[in-house]
PDB file of N, CA and C in Angstrom:
ATOM      1  N   MET A   1     -68.338 -53.420  85.839  1.00  0.00           N
ATOM      2  CA  MET A   1     -69.278 -52.692  85.004  1.00  0.00           C
ATOM      3  C   MET A   1     -68.512 -52.011  83.884  1.00  0.00           C
ATOM      4  N   ILE A   2     -69.076 -52.054  82.739  1.00  0.00           N
ATOM      5  CA  ILE A   2     -68.500 -51.343  81.602  1.00  0.00           C
ATOM      6  C   ILE A   2     -69.147 -49.974  81.553  1.00  0.00           C
ATOM      7  N   SER A   3     -68.339 -48.956  81.440  1.00  0.00           N
ATOM      8  CA  SER A   3     -68.840 -47.592  81.447  1.00  0.00           C
ATOM      9  C   SER A   3     -69.554 -47.271  80.139  1.00  0.00           C
ATOM     10  N   SER A   4     -70.718 -46.647  80.269  1.00  0.00           N
ATOM     11  CA  SER A   4     -71.452 -46.227  79.071  1.00  0.00           C
ATOM     12  C   SER A   4     -70.787 -45.024  78.403  1.00  0.00           C
ATOM     13  N   ASN A   5     -69.853 -44.388  79.095  1.00  0.00           N
ATOM     14  CA  ASN A   5     -69.130 -43.244  78.530  1.00  0.00           C
ATOM     15  C   ASN A   5     -67.797 -43.641  77.915  1.00  0.00           C
ATOM     16  N   ALA A   6     -67.543 -44.911  77.727  1.00  0.00           N
ATOM     17  CA  ALA A   6     -66.280 -45.376  77.157  1.00  0.00           C
ATOM     18  C   ALA A   6     -66.271 -45.064  75.668  1.00  0.00           C
ATOM     19  N   ARG A   7     -65.747 -43.894  75.307  1.00  0.00           N
ATOM     20  CA  ARG A   7     -65.773 -43.461  73.916  1.00  0.00           C
ATOM     21  C   ARG A   7     -64.396 -43.079  73.376  1.00  0.00           C
ATOM     22  N   SER A   8     -63.375 -43.120  74.215  1.00  0.00           N
ATOM     23  CA  SER A   8     -62.039 -42.761  73.739  1.00  0.00           C
ATOM     24  C   SER A   8     -61.546 -43.863  72.806  1.00  0.00           C
ATOM     25  N   PRO A   9     -60.596 -43.555  71.934  1.00  0.00           N
ATOM     26  CA  PRO A   9     -60.064 -44.590  71.040  1.00  0.00           C
ATOM     27  C   PRO A   9     -59.531 -45.816  71.802  1.00  0.00           C
ATOM     28  N   THR A  10     -58.897 -45.597  72.937  1.00  0.00           N
ATOM     29  CA  THR A  10     -58.384 -46.712  73.727  1.00  0.00           C
ATOM     30  C   THR A  10     -59.519 -47.563  74.271  1.00  0.00           C
ATOM     31  N   HIS A  11     -60.558 -46.900  74.808  1.00  0.00           N
ATOM     32  CA  HIS A  11     -61.707 -47.645  75.332  1.00  0.00           C
ATOM     33  C   HIS A  11     -62.404 -48.425  74.227  1.00  0.00           C
ATOM     34  N   LEU A  12     -62.587 -47.804  73.077  1.00  0.00           N
ATOM     35  CA  LEU A  12     -63.260 -48.493  71.976  1.00  0.00           C
ATOM     36  C   LEU A  12     -62.440 -49.688  71.503  1.00  0.00           C
ATOM     37  N   GLN A  13     -61.124 -49.556  71.515  1.00  0.00           N
ATOM     38  CA  GLN A  13     -60.258 -50.668  71.135  1.00  0.00           C
ATOM     39  C   GLN A  13     -60.378 -51.808  72.161  1.00  0.00           C
ATOM     40  N   MET A  14     -60.466 -51.451  73.435  1.00  0.00           N
ATOM     41  CA  MET A  14     -60.628 -52.463  74.471  1.00  0.00           C
ATOM     42  C   MET A  14     -61.974 -53.162  74.364  1.00  0.00           C
ATOM     43  N   LEU A  15     -63.050 -52.400  74.064  1.00  0.00           N
ATOM     44  CA  LEU A  15     -64.373 -53.005  73.893  1.00  0.00           C
ATOM     45  C   LEU A  15     -64.404 -53.914  72.667  1.00  0.00           C
ATOM     46  N   LYS A  16     -63.715 -53.501  71.606  1.00  0.00           N
ATOM     47  CA  LYS A  16     -63.636 -54.331  70.404  1.00  0.00           C
ATOM     48  C   LYS A  16     -62.919 -55.646  70.723  1.00  0.00           C
ATOM     49  N   TYR A  17     -61.854 -55.571  71.512  1.00  0.00           N
ATOM     50  CA  TYR A  17     -61.127 -56.779  71.921  1.00  0.00           C
ATOM     51  C   TYR A  17     -62.027 -57.684  72.759  1.00  0.00           C
ATOM     52  N   LEU A  18     -62.771 -57.100  73.695  1.00  0.00           N
ATOM     53  CA  LEU A  18     -63.682 -57.891  74.524  1.00  0.00           C
ATOM     54  C   LEU A  18     -64.722 -58.585  73.650  1.00  0.00           C
ATOM     55  N   GLY A  19     -65.261 -57.874  72.670  1.00  0.00           N
ATOM     56  CA  GLY A  19     -66.227 -58.477  71.749  1.00  0.00           C
ATOM     57  C   GLY A  19     -65.619 -59.617  70.954  1.00  0.00           C
ATOM     58  N   ALA A  20     -64.378 -59.434  70.491  1.00  0.00           N
ATOM     59  CA  ALA A  20     -63.699 -60.496  69.752  1.00  0.00           C
ATOM     60  C   ALA A  20     -63.451 -61.701  70.648  1.00  0.00           C
ATOM     61  N   LEU A  21     -63.075 -61.446  71.904  1.00  0.00           N
ATOM     62  CA  LEU A  21     -62.835 -62.530  72.856  1.00  0.00           C
ATOM     63  C   LEU A  21     -64.115 -63.309  73.123  1.00  0.00           C
ATOM     64  N   LEU A  22     -65.229 -62.589  73.328  1.00  0.00           N
ATOM     65  CA  LEU A  22     -66.515 -63.260  73.540  1.00  0.00           C
ATOM     66  C   LEU A  22     -66.908 -64.071  72.309  1.00  0.00           C
ATOM     67  N   GLY A  23     -66.735 -63.485  71.124  1.00  0.00           N
ATOM     68  CA  GLY A  23     -67.071 -64.185  69.884  1.00  0.00           C
ATOM     69  C   GLY A  23     -66.231 -65.438  69.699  1.00  0.00           C
ATOM     70  N   TYR A  24     -64.944 -65.333  69.981  1.00  0.00           N
ATOM     71  CA  TYR A  24     -64.046 -66.487  69.857  1.00  0.00           C
ATOM     72  C   TYR A  24     -64.471 -67.607  70.796  1.00  0.00           C
ATOM     73  N   ASN A  25     -64.817 -67.238  72.031  1.00  0.00           N
ATOM     74  CA  ASN A  25     -65.227 -68.250  73.000  1.00  0.00           C
ATOM     75  C   ASN A  25     -66.527 -68.932  72.604  1.00  0.00           C
ATOM     76  N   ILE A  26     -67.433 -68.177  72.022  1.00  0.00           N
ATOM     77  CA  ILE A  26     -68.700 -68.762  71.572  1.00  0.00           C
ATOM     78  C   ILE A  26     -68.464 -69.691  70.385  1.00  0.00           C
ATOM     79  N   LEU A  27     -67.681 -69.232  69.414  1.00  0.00           N
ATOM     80  CA  LEU A  27     -67.449 -70.029  68.201  1.00  0.00           C
ATOM     81  C   LEU A  27     -66.656 -71.297  68.467  1.00  0.00           C
ATOM     82  N   THR A  28     -65.679 -71.241  69.368  1.00  0.00           N
ATOM     83  CA  THR A  28     -64.850 -72.417  69.642  1.00  0.00           C
ATOM     84  C   THR A  28     -65.426 -73.303  70.735  1.00  0.00           C
ATOM     85  N   LYS A  29     -66.503 -72.862  71.361  1.00  0.00           N
ATOM     86  CA  LYS A  29     -67.139 -73.597  72.451  1.00  0.00           C
ATOM     87  C   LYS A  29     -66.141 -73.916  73.566  1.00  0.00           C
ATOM     88  N   SER A  30     -65.225 -72.989  73.796  1.00  0.00           N
ATOM     89  CA  SER A  30     -64.260 -73.154  74.892  1.00  0.00           C
ATOM     90  C   SER A  30     -64.339 -71.915  75.777  1.00  0.00           C
ATOM     91  N   PRO A  31     -65.370 -71.875  76.614  1.00  0.00           N
ATOM     92  CA  PRO A  31     -65.595 -70.667  77.405  1.00  0.00           C
ATOM     93  C   PRO A  31     -64.508 -70.423  78.450  1.00  0.00           C
ATOM     94  N   ILE A  32     -64.261 -69.155  78.697  1.00  0.00           N
ATOM     95  CA  ILE A  32     -63.402 -68.762  79.797  1.00  0.00           C
ATOM     96  C   ILE A  32     -64.266 -67.952  80.754  1.00  0.00           C
ATOM     97  N   PRO A  33     -63.984 -68.026  82.041  1.00  0.00           N
ATOM     98  CA  PRO A  33     -64.815 -67.284  82.990  1.00  0.00           C
ATOM     99  C   PRO A  33     -64.564 -65.780  82.894  1.00  0.00           C
ATOM    100  N   ILE A  34     -65.601 -65.046  82.569  1.00  0.00           N
ATOM    101  CA  ILE A  34     -65.527 -63.587  82.537  1.00  0.00           C
ATOM    102  C   ILE A  34     -66.518 -63.091  83.576  1.00  0.00           C
ATOM    103  N   ASN A  35     -66.015 -62.476  84.624  1.00  0.00           N
ATOM    104  CA  ASN A  35     -66.852 -62.061  85.743  1.00  0.00           C
ATOM    105  C   ASN A  35     -67.429 -60.668  85.486  1.00  0.00           C
ATOM    106  N   MET A  36     -68.636 -60.634  84.966  1.00  0.00           N
ATOM    107  CA  MET A  36     -69.368 -59.385  84.744  1.00  0.00           C
ATOM    108  C   MET A  36     -70.660 -59.458  85.550  1.00  0.00           C
ATOM    109  N   VAL A  37     -71.181 -58.287  85.910  1.00  0.00           N
ATOM    110  CA  VAL A  37     -72.438 -58.270  86.637  1.00  0.00           C
ATOM    111  C   VAL A  37     -73.544 -58.852  85.752  1.00  0.00           C
ATOM    112  N   PRO A  38     -74.547 -59.496  86.364  1.00  0.00           N
ATOM    113  CA  PRO A  38     -75.614 -60.117  85.566  1.00  0.00           C
ATOM    114  C   PRO A  38     -76.296 -59.158  84.601  1.00  0.00           C
ATOM    115  N   PHE A  39     -76.407 -57.870  84.981  1.00  0.00           N
ATOM    116  CA  PHE A  39     -77.080 -56.925  84.095  1.00  0.00           C
ATOM    117  C   PHE A  39     -76.317 -56.742  82.785  1.00  0.00           C
ATOM    118  N   PHE A  40     -74.998 -56.863  82.810  1.00  0.00           N
ATOM    119  CA  PHE A  40     -74.204 -56.786  81.581  1.00  0.00           C
ATOM    120  C   PHE A  40     -74.647 -57.859  80.600  1.00  0.00           C
ATOM    121  N   TRP A  41     -74.779 -59.092  81.098  1.00  0.00           N
ATOM    122  CA  TRP A  41     -75.173 -60.194  80.233  1.00  0.00           C
ATOM    123  C   TRP A  41     -76.617 -60.024  79.762  1.00  0.00           C
ATOM    124  N   LYS A  42     -77.485 -59.482  80.612  1.00  0.00           N
ATOM    125  CA  LYS A  42     -78.868 -59.236  80.200  1.00  0.00           C
ATOM    126  C   LYS A  42     -78.917 -58.201  79.077  1.00  0.00           C
ATOM    127  N   GLN A  43     -78.112 -57.141  79.200  1.00  0.00           N
ATOM    128  CA  GLN A  43     -78.078 -56.134  78.144  1.00  0.00           C
ATOM    129  C   GLN A  43     -77.537 -56.734  76.858  1.00  0.00           C
ATOM    130  N   LEU A  44     -76.524 -57.559  76.977  1.00  0.00           N
ATOM    131  CA  LEU A  44     -75.932 -58.201  75.804  1.00  0.00           C
ATOM    132  C   LEU A  44     -76.959 -59.080  75.089  1.00  0.00           C
ATOM    133  N   ALA A  45     -77.852 -59.704  75.864  1.00  0.00           N
ATOM    134  CA  ALA A  45     -78.894 -60.559  75.300  1.00  0.00           C
ATOM    135  C   ALA A  45     -80.119 -59.760  74.842  1.00  0.00           C
ATOM    136  N   GLY A  46     -80.118 -58.441  75.048  1.00  0.00           N
ATOM    137  CA  GLY A  46     -81.210 -57.602  74.573  1.00  0.00           C
ATOM    138  C   GLY A  46     -82.286 -57.309  75.591  1.00  0.00           C
ATOM    139  N   HIS A  47     -82.079 -57.645  76.854  1.00  0.00           N
ATOM    140  CA  HIS A  47     -83.047 -57.358  77.916  1.00  0.00           C
ATOM    141  C   HIS A  47     -82.613 -56.080  78.627  1.00  0.00           C
ATOM    142  N   ASP A  48     -83.247 -54.961  78.317  1.00  0.00           N
ATOM    143  CA  ASP A  48     -82.830 -53.671  78.849  1.00  0.00           C
ATOM    144  C   ASP A  48     -83.456 -53.320  80.190  1.00  0.00           C
ATOM    145  N   THR A  49     -84.449 -54.071  80.644  1.00  0.00           N
ATOM    146  CA  THR A  49     -85.145 -53.733  81.871  1.00  0.00           C
ATOM    147  C   THR A  49     -84.338 -54.195  83.076  1.00  0.00           C
ATOM    148  N   MET A  50     -83.998 -53.243  83.935  1.00  0.00           N
ATOM    149  CA  MET A  50     -83.236 -53.568  85.133  1.00  0.00           C
ATOM    150  C   MET A  50     -84.202 -53.900  86.260  1.00  0.00           C
ATOM    151  N   THR A  51     -83.906 -54.956  86.998  1.00  0.00           N
ATOM    152  CA  THR A  51     -84.736 -55.360  88.128  1.00  0.00           C
ATOM    153  C   THR A  51     -84.027 -55.021  89.433  1.00  0.00           C
ATOM    154  N   LEU A  52     -84.743 -55.170  90.525  1.00  0.00           N
ATOM    155  CA  LEU A  52     -84.155 -54.942  91.837  1.00  0.00           C
ATOM    156  C   LEU A  52     -83.016 -55.924  92.095  1.00  0.00           C
ATOM    157  N   GLU A  53     -83.136 -57.138  91.595  1.00  0.00           N
ATOM    158  CA  GLU A  53     -82.070 -58.127  91.746  1.00  0.00           C
ATOM    159  C   GLU A  53     -80.813 -57.693  91.006  1.00  0.00           C
ATOM    160  N   ASP A  54     -80.972 -57.056  89.843  1.00  0.00           N
ATOM    161  CA  ASP A  54     -79.821 -56.543  89.107  1.00  0.00           C
ATOM    162  C   ASP A  54     -79.123 -55.448  89.906  1.00  0.00           C
ATOM    163  N   LEU A  55     -79.900 -54.542  90.480  1.00  0.00           N
ATOM    164  CA  LEU A  55     -79.322 -53.492  91.305  1.00  0.00           C
ATOM    165  C   LEU A  55     -78.620 -54.089  92.517  1.00  0.00           C
ATOM    166  N   ASP A  56     -79.228 -55.102  93.115  1.00  0.00           N
ATOM    167  CA  ASP A  56     -78.632 -55.748  94.281  1.00  0.00           C
ATOM    168  C   ASP A  56     -77.281 -56.364  93.945  1.00  0.00           C
ATOM    169  N   SER A  57     -77.116 -56.877  92.743  1.00  0.00           N
ATOM    170  CA  SER A  57     -75.835 -57.483  92.361  1.00  0.00           C
ATOM    171  C   SER A  57     -74.744 -56.434  92.168  1.00  0.00           C
ATOM    172  N   ILE A  58     -75.142 -55.178  91.959  1.00  0.00           N
ATOM    173  CA  ILE A  58     -74.183 -54.093  91.766  1.00  0.00           C
ATOM    174  C   ILE A  58     -73.997 -53.290  93.046  1.00  0.00           C
ATOM    175  N   ASP A  59     -75.119 -52.969  93.722  1.00  0.00           N
ATOM    176  CA  ASP A  59     -75.091 -52.097  94.897  1.00  0.00           C
ATOM    177  C   ASP A  59     -76.163 -52.554  95.875  1.00  0.00           C
ATOM    178  N   SER A  60     -75.789 -53.456  96.767  1.00  0.00           N
ATOM    179  CA  SER A  60     -76.774 -54.042  97.678  1.00  0.00           C
ATOM    180  C   SER A  60     -77.332 -53.016  98.662  1.00  0.00           C
ATOM    181  N   TYR A  61     -76.532 -52.022  99.039  1.00  0.00           N
ATOM    182  CA  TYR A  61     -77.026 -50.995  99.970  1.00  0.00           C
ATOM    183  C   TYR A  61     -78.172 -50.208  99.341  1.00  0.00           C
ATOM    184  N   SER A  62     -77.992 -49.758  98.110  1.00  0.00           N
ATOM    185  CA  SER A  62     -79.054 -48.998  97.435  1.00  0.00           C
ATOM    186  C   SER A  62     -80.297 -49.853  97.225  1.00  0.00           C
ATOM    187  N   ALA A  63     -80.098 -51.114  96.887  1.00  0.00           N
ATOM    188  CA  ALA A  63     -81.250 -52.004  96.704  1.00  0.00           C
ATOM    189  C   ALA A  63     -82.027 -52.155  98.011  1.00  0.00           C
ATOM    190  N   GLN A  64     -81.313 -52.319  99.122  1.00  0.00           N
ATOM    191  CA  GLN A  64     -81.984 -52.459 100.406  1.00  0.00           C
ATOM    192  C   GLN A  64     -82.702 -51.172 100.804  1.00  0.00           C
ATOM    193  N   MET A  65     -82.111 -50.019 100.510  1.00  0.00           N
ATOM    194  CA  MET A  65     -82.757 -48.736 100.801  1.00  0.00           C
ATOM    195  C   MET A  65     -84.073 -48.607 100.024  1.00  0.00           C
ATOM    196  N   LEU A  66     -84.077 -49.020  98.766  1.00  0.00           N
ATOM    197  CA  LEU A  66     -85.310 -48.955  97.975  1.00  0.00           C
ATOM    198  C   LEU A  66     -86.378 -49.892  98.531  1.00  0.00           C
ATOM    199  N   VAL A  67     -85.970 -51.076  98.953  1.00  0.00           N
ATOM    200  CA  VAL A  67     -86.916 -52.022  99.558  1.00  0.00           C
ATOM    201  C   VAL A  67     -87.513 -51.418 100.824  1.00  0.00           C
ATOM    202  N   ASN A  68     -86.655 -50.833 101.673  1.00  0.00           N
ATOM    203  CA  ASN A  68     -87.131 -50.222 102.919  1.00  0.00           C
ATOM    204  C   ASN A  68     -88.069 -49.050 102.650  1.00  0.00           C
ATOM    205  N   MET A  69     -87.719 -48.187 101.686  1.00  0.00           N
ATOM    206  CA  MET A  69     -88.588 -47.046 101.375  1.00  0.00           C
ATOM    207  C   MET A  69     -89.943 -47.518 100.859  1.00  0.00           C
ATOM    208  N   LYS A  70     -89.933 -48.554 100.035  1.00  0.00           N
ATOM    209  CA  LYS A  70     -91.196 -49.073  99.511  1.00  0.00           C
ATOM    210  C   LYS A  70     -92.022 -49.710 100.620  1.00  0.00           C
ATOM    211  N   GLN A  71     -91.356 -50.457 101.491  1.00  0.00           N
ATOM    212  CA  GLN A  71     -92.058 -51.165 102.561  1.00  0.00           C
ATOM    213  C   GLN A  71     -92.621 -50.213 103.609  1.00  0.00           C
ATOM    214  N   TYR A  72     -91.825 -49.257 104.053  1.00  0.00           N
ATOM    215  CA  TYR A  72     -92.247 -48.381 105.145  1.00  0.00           C
ATOM    216  C   TYR A  72     -92.850 -47.068 104.662  1.00  0.00           C
ATOM    217  N   GLY A  73     -92.669 -46.734 103.414  1.00  0.00           N
ATOM    218  CA  GLY A  73     -93.206 -45.482 102.886  1.00  0.00           C
ATOM    219  C   GLY A  73     -94.718 -45.450 102.847  1.00  0.00           C
ATOM    220  N   GLY A  74     -95.349 -46.595 102.736  1.00  0.00           N
ATOM    221  CA  GLY A  74     -96.803 -46.655 102.696  1.00  0.00           C
ATOM    222  C   GLY A  74     -97.463 -46.314 104.018  1.00  0.00           C
ATOM    223  N   PHE A  75     -96.713 -46.377 105.108  1.00  0.00           N
ATOM    224  CA  PHE A  75     -97.263 -46.082 106.427  1.00  0.00           C
ATOM    225  C   PHE A  75     -97.169 -44.601 106.786  1.00  0.00           C
ATOM    226  N   LEU A  76     -96.445 -43.825 105.989  1.00  0.00           N
ATOM    227  CA  LEU A  76     -96.210 -42.418 106.303  1.00  0.00           C
ATOM    228  C   LEU A  76     -96.980 -41.510 105.358  1.00  0.00           C
ATOM    229  N   SER A  77     -97.351 -40.345 105.857  1.00  0.00           N
ATOM    230  CA  SER A  77     -97.929 -39.335 104.967  1.00  0.00           C
ATOM    231  C   SER A  77     -96.810 -38.791 104.089  1.00  0.00           C
ATOM    232  N   ALA A  78     -97.161 -38.081 103.041  1.00  0.00           N
ATOM    233  CA  ALA A  78     -96.149 -37.524 102.133  1.00  0.00           C
ATOM    234  C   ALA A  78     -95.190 -36.592 102.876  1.00  0.00           C
ATOM    235  N   ASP A  79     -95.720 -35.768 103.794  1.00  0.00           N
ATOM    236  CA  ASP A  79     -94.866 -34.846 104.553  1.00  0.00           C
ATOM    237  C   ASP A  79     -93.938 -35.602 105.497  1.00  0.00           C
ATOM    238  N   ASP A  80     -94.470 -36.605 106.194  1.00  0.00           N
ATOM    239  CA  ASP A  80     -93.641 -37.392 107.103  1.00  0.00           C
ATOM    240  C   ASP A  80     -92.570 -38.174 106.347  1.00  0.00           C
ATOM    241  N   PHE A  81     -92.953 -38.697 105.181  1.00  0.00           N
ATOM    242  CA  PHE A  81     -91.989 -39.434 104.369  1.00  0.00           C
ATOM    243  C   PHE A  81     -90.847 -38.523 103.936  1.00  0.00           C
ATOM    244  N   ALA A  82     -91.188 -37.323 103.429  1.00  0.00           N
ATOM    245  CA  ALA A  82     -90.157 -36.372 102.978  1.00  0.00           C
ATOM    246  C   ALA A  82     -89.261 -35.937 104.131  1.00  0.00           C
ATOM    247  N   ALA A  83     -89.838 -35.810 105.337  1.00  0.00           N
ATOM    248  CA  ALA A  83     -89.058 -35.387 106.499  1.00  0.00           C
ATOM    249  C   ALA A  83     -88.151 -36.498 107.026  1.00  0.00           C
ATOM    250  N   SER A  84     -88.577 -37.738 106.901  1.00  0.00           N
ATOM    251  CA  SER A  84     -87.797 -38.832 107.490  1.00  0.00           C
ATOM    252  C   SER A  84     -86.826 -39.502 106.524  1.00  0.00           C
ATOM    253  N   ILE A  85     -87.073 -39.405 105.246  1.00  0.00           N
ATOM    254  CA  ILE A  85     -86.201 -40.044 104.255  1.00  0.00           C
ATOM    255  C   ILE A  85     -85.308 -38.979 103.638  1.00  0.00           C
ATOM    256  N   ASP A  86     -84.026 -39.075 103.947  1.00  0.00           N
ATOM    257  CA  ASP A  86     -83.051 -38.117 103.417  1.00  0.00           C
ATOM    258  C   ASP A  86     -82.285 -38.774 102.278  1.00  0.00           C
ATOM    259  N   GLN A  87     -82.943 -38.910 101.156  1.00  0.00           N
ATOM    260  CA  GLN A  87     -82.329 -39.542  99.997  1.00  0.00           C
ATOM    261  C   GLN A  87     -82.515 -38.651  98.777  1.00  0.00           C
ATOM    262  N   ASN A  88     -81.522 -38.667  97.914  1.00  0.00           N
ATOM    263  CA  ASN A  88     -81.705 -38.044  96.613  1.00  0.00           C
ATOM    264  C   ASN A  88     -81.596 -39.153  95.574  1.00  0.00           C
ATOM    265  N   PHE A  89     -82.139 -38.922  94.456  1.00  0.00           N
ATOM    266  CA  PHE A  89     -82.165 -39.951  93.432  1.00  0.00           C
ATOM    267  C   PHE A  89     -81.143 -39.625  92.351  1.00  0.00           C
ATOM    268  N   THR A  90     -79.887 -39.693  92.779  1.00  0.00           N
ATOM    269  CA  THR A  90     -78.751 -39.553  91.880  1.00  0.00           C
ATOM    270  C   THR A  90     -77.838 -40.742  92.118  1.00  0.00           C
ATOM    271  N   THR A  91     -76.961 -40.967  91.174  1.00  0.00           N
ATOM    272  CA  THR A  91     -75.973 -42.028  91.340  1.00  0.00           C
ATOM    273  C   THR A  91     -74.667 -41.575  90.723  1.00  0.00           C
ATOM    274  N   VAL A  92     -73.603 -42.188  91.148  1.00  0.00           N
ATOM    275  CA  VAL A  92     -72.287 -41.915  90.592  1.00  0.00           C
ATOM    276  C   VAL A  92     -71.934 -43.077  89.682  1.00  0.00           C
ATOM    277  N   LEU A  93     -71.647 -42.759  88.423  1.00  0.00           N
ATOM    278  CA  LEU A  93     -71.293 -43.789  87.454  1.00  0.00           C
ATOM    279  C   LEU A  93     -69.871 -44.267  87.692  1.00  0.00           C
ATOM    280  N   SER A  94     -69.502 -45.345  87.034  1.00  0.00           N
ATOM    281  CA  SER A  94     -68.165 -45.902  87.210  1.00  0.00           C
ATOM    282  C   SER A  94     -67.066 -44.942  86.753  1.00  0.00           C
ATOM    283  N   ASN A  95     -67.425 -43.948  85.929  1.00  0.00           N
ATOM    284  CA  ASN A  95     -66.422 -42.974  85.493  1.00  0.00           C
ATOM    285  C   ASN A  95     -66.348 -41.761  86.420  1.00  0.00           C
ATOM    286  N   GLY A  96     -67.136 -41.765  87.514  1.00  0.00           N
ATOM    287  CA  GLY A  96     -67.090 -40.687  88.501  1.00  0.00           C
ATOM    288  C   GLY A  96     -68.118 -39.588  88.304  1.00  0.00           C
ATOM    289  N   ASN A  97     -68.867 -39.609  87.193  1.00  0.00           N
ATOM    290  CA  ASN A  97     -69.892 -38.594  86.951  1.00  0.00           C
ATOM    291  C   ASN A  97     -71.156 -38.891  87.760  1.00  0.00           C
ATOM    292  N   GLU A  98     -71.722 -37.846  88.366  1.00  0.00           N
ATOM    293  CA  GLU A  98     -72.987 -38.000  89.095  1.00  0.00           C
ATOM    294  C   GLU A  98     -74.131 -37.644  88.157  1.00  0.00           C
ATOM    295  N   VAL A  99     -75.132 -38.518  88.082  1.00  0.00           N
ATOM    296  CA  VAL A  99     -76.286 -38.287  87.216  1.00  0.00           C
ATOM    297  C   VAL A  99     -77.569 -38.428  88.014  1.00  0.00           C
ATOM    298  N   SER A 100     -78.598 -37.699  87.615  1.00  0.00           N
ATOM    299  CA  SER A 100     -79.915 -37.783  88.251  1.00  0.00           C
ATOM    300  C   SER A 100     -80.652 -38.992  87.707  1.00  0.00           C
ATOM    301  N   LEU A 101     -81.347 -39.700  88.605  1.00  0.00           N
ATOM    302  CA  LEU A 101     -82.143 -40.857  88.177  1.00  0.00           C
ATOM    303  C   LEU A 101     -83.569 -40.463  87.838  1.00  0.00           C
ATOM    304  N   CYS A 102     -83.948 -39.233  88.236  1.00  0.00           N
ATOM    305  CA  CYS A 102     -85.256 -38.706  87.884  1.00  0.00           C
ATOM    306  C   CYS A 102     -85.105 -37.176  87.816  1.00  0.00           C
ATOM    307  N   PRO A 103     -86.036 -36.471  87.185  1.00  0.00           N
ATOM    308  CA  PRO A 103     -85.915 -35.020  87.096  1.00  0.00           C
ATOM    309  C   PRO A 103     -85.753 -34.384  88.488  1.00  0.00           C
ATOM    310  N   GLY A 104     -84.749 -33.573  88.644  1.00  0.00           N
ATOM    311  CA  GLY A 104     -84.491 -32.907  89.910  1.00  0.00           C
ATOM    312  C   GLY A 104     -83.694 -33.741  90.897  1.00  0.00           C
ATOM    313  N   GLY A 105     -83.361 -34.963  90.518  1.00  0.00           N
ATOM    314  CA  GLY A 105     -82.571 -35.824  91.389  1.00  0.00           C
ATOM    315  C   GLY A 105     -83.356 -36.283  92.561  1.00  0.00           C
TER     316      GLY A 105
END
């Protein structure tokens, strides 16, 4: 994953090199294997919507937890759901910063 906080001169130089490498491979039609998560390529192509499959390719545990909460959450009342599901909606980015995925985490 490429960090969205990559703003230092060194990081920007590395991203510029990656862009030049991708451009060179496209122009010369001599691709090299670059192993990036599928969501990276979707963002590069202009598709900003993340799907459950994209999350699964990055963090299969979190994807499975969301599937389970969606599947079994419908059988519980709001109070029972809150009491039985001990999850917060935050994540740790690749740079180590924890961010909320919704207001209040």
